Amino acid sequence: MITRRYREPRGLHSDQAEYGFYVRLSGADRELMKRALEVATERLGGRPSNPMLLVEMMKVFTNGAEA
């Protein structure tokens, strides 16, 4: 769920405490995101929040299949 929209982009290297991340998906990418959510839910024992899902996906992305 998106709770706040930002008018000015905030880069990762800014001095802001938070970084907003928004993704639009369609087609096959949407199905892959659904599958990623299912896998994370199984592994964590419950449905993760959006930030937690992003962390889990970044772990897989940066570590490959090890995560």
C-alpha atoms as a PDB file:
ATOM      1  CA  MET A   1       0.000   0.000   0.000  1.00  0.00           C
ATOM      2  CA  ILE A   2       1.314   3.410  -0.910  1.00  0.00           C
ATOM      3  CA  THR A   3       0.683   5.809   1.954  1.00  0.00           C
ATOM      4  CA  ARG A   4       2.551   8.858   0.701  1.00  0.00           C
ATOM      5  CA  ARG A   5       3.553  10.239  -2.671  1.00  0.00           C
ATOM      6  CA  TYR A   6       6.579  12.455  -3.109  1.00  0.00           C
ATOM      7  CA  ARG A   7       6.585  15.445  -5.439  1.00  0.00           C
ATOM      8  CA  GLU A   8      10.338  15.742  -5.416  1.00  0.00           C
ATOM      9  CA  PRO A   9      12.428  12.634  -6.081  1.00  0.00           C
ATOM     10  CA  ARG A  10      14.679  11.578  -3.241  1.00  0.00           C
ATOM     11  CA  GLY A  11      17.825   9.793  -4.250  1.00  0.00           C
ATOM     12  CA  LEU A  12      19.448   7.061  -2.228  1.00  0.00           C
ATOM     13  CA  HIS A  13      22.404   9.343  -1.545  1.00  0.00           C
ATOM     14  CA  SER A  14      20.338  12.221  -0.151  1.00  0.00           C
ATOM     15  CA  ASP A  15      20.321  13.112   3.529  1.00  0.00           C
ATOM     16  CA  GLN A  16      16.675  12.040   3.917  1.00  0.00           C
ATOM     17  CA  ALA A  17      15.920   9.280   6.412  1.00  0.00           C
ATOM     18  CA  GLU A  18      13.463   7.534   4.078  1.00  0.00           C
ATOM     19  CA  TYR A  19      13.575   6.506   0.459  1.00  0.00           C
ATOM     20  CA  GLY A  20      10.319   6.075  -1.459  1.00  0.00           C
ATOM     21  CA  PHE A  21      10.188   3.141  -3.892  1.00  0.00           C
ATOM     22  CA  TYR A  22       7.303   2.674  -6.318  1.00  0.00           C
ATOM     23  CA  VAL A  23       6.974   0.008  -8.999  1.00  0.00           C
ATOM     24  CA  ARG A  24       4.434  -0.524 -11.757  1.00  0.00           C
ATOM     25  CA  LEU A  25       4.290  -3.998 -13.240  1.00  0.00           C
ATOM     26  CA  SER A  26       2.238  -5.646 -15.927  1.00  0.00           C
ATOM     27  CA  GLY A  27       2.113  -8.921 -17.803  1.00  0.00           C
ATOM     28  CA  ALA A  28       4.801 -11.478 -17.012  1.00  0.00           C
ATOM     29  CA  ASP A  29       6.560  -9.143 -14.561  1.00  0.00           C
ATOM     30  CA  ARG A  30       3.373  -8.883 -12.507  1.00  0.00           C
ATOM     31  CA  GLU A  31       3.110 -12.667 -12.349  1.00  0.00           C
ATOM     32  CA  LEU A  32       6.757 -12.915 -11.279  1.00  0.00           C
ATOM     33  CA  MET A  33       6.101 -10.405  -8.490  1.00  0.00           C
ATOM     34  CA  LYS A  34       3.127 -12.460  -7.312  1.00  0.00           C
ATOM     35  CA  ARG A  35       5.326 -15.574  -7.255  1.00  0.00           C
ATOM     36  CA  ALA A  36       8.058 -13.715  -5.357  1.00  0.00           C
ATOM     37  CA  LEU A  37       5.466 -12.701  -2.750  1.00  0.00           C
ATOM     38  CA  GLU A  38       4.326 -16.315  -2.425  1.00  0.00           C
ATOM     39  CA  VAL A  39       7.907 -17.537  -1.937  1.00  0.00           C
ATOM     40  CA  ALA A  40       8.679 -14.851   0.643  1.00  0.00           C
ATOM     41  CA  THR A  41       5.438 -15.645   2.481  1.00  0.00           C
ATOM     42  CA  GLU A  42       6.340 -19.334   2.661  1.00  0.00           C
ATOM     43  CA  ARG A  43       9.907 -18.639   3.790  1.00  0.00           C
ATOM     44  CA  LEU A  44       9.010 -16.040   6.422  1.00  0.00           C
ATOM     45  CA  GLY A  45       5.950 -17.858   7.745  1.00  0.00           C
ATOM     46  CA  GLY A  46       3.587 -14.963   7.003  1.00  0.00           C
ATOM     47  CA  ARG A  47       2.811 -12.337   4.406  1.00  0.00           C
ATOM     48  CA  PRO A  48       5.568  -9.697   4.489  1.00  0.00           C
ATOM     49  CA  SER A  49       4.952  -5.977   4.399  1.00  0.00           C
ATOM     50  CA  ASN A  50       5.983  -4.144   1.220  1.00  0.00           C
ATOM     51  CA  PRO A  51       9.290  -2.919   2.721  1.00  0.00           C
ATOM     52  CA  MET A  52      10.078  -6.404   4.015  1.00  0.00           C
ATOM     53  CA  LEU A  53       9.270  -7.895   0.598  1.00  0.00           C
ATOM     54  CA  LEU A  54      11.608  -5.400  -1.045  1.00  0.00           C
ATOM     55  CA  VAL A  55      14.399  -6.329   1.403  1.00  0.00           C
ATOM     56  CA  GLU A  56      13.908 -10.032   0.668  1.00  0.00           C
ATOM     57  CA  MET A  57      13.953  -9.429  -3.086  1.00  0.00           C
ATOM     58  CA  MET A  58      17.087  -7.290  -2.837  1.00  0.00           C
ATOM     59  CA  LYS A  59      18.808 -10.074  -0.883  1.00  0.00           C
ATOM     60  CA  VAL A  60      18.030 -12.526  -3.676  1.00  0.00           C
ATOM     61  CA  PHE A  61      19.089 -10.008  -6.313  1.00  0.00           C
ATOM     62  CA  THR A  62      22.418  -9.222  -4.663  1.00  0.00           C
ATOM     63  CA  ASN A  63      23.243 -12.750  -3.432  1.00  0.00           C
ATOM     64  CA  GLY A  64      21.767 -14.816  -6.240  1.00  0.00           C
ATOM     65  CA  ALA A  65      20.167 -18.099  -5.183  1.00  0.00           C
ATOM     66  CA  GLU A  66      21.948 -18.082  -1.802  1.00  0.00           C
ATOM     67  CA  ALA A  67      19.326 -15.891  -0.081  1.00  0.00           C
END
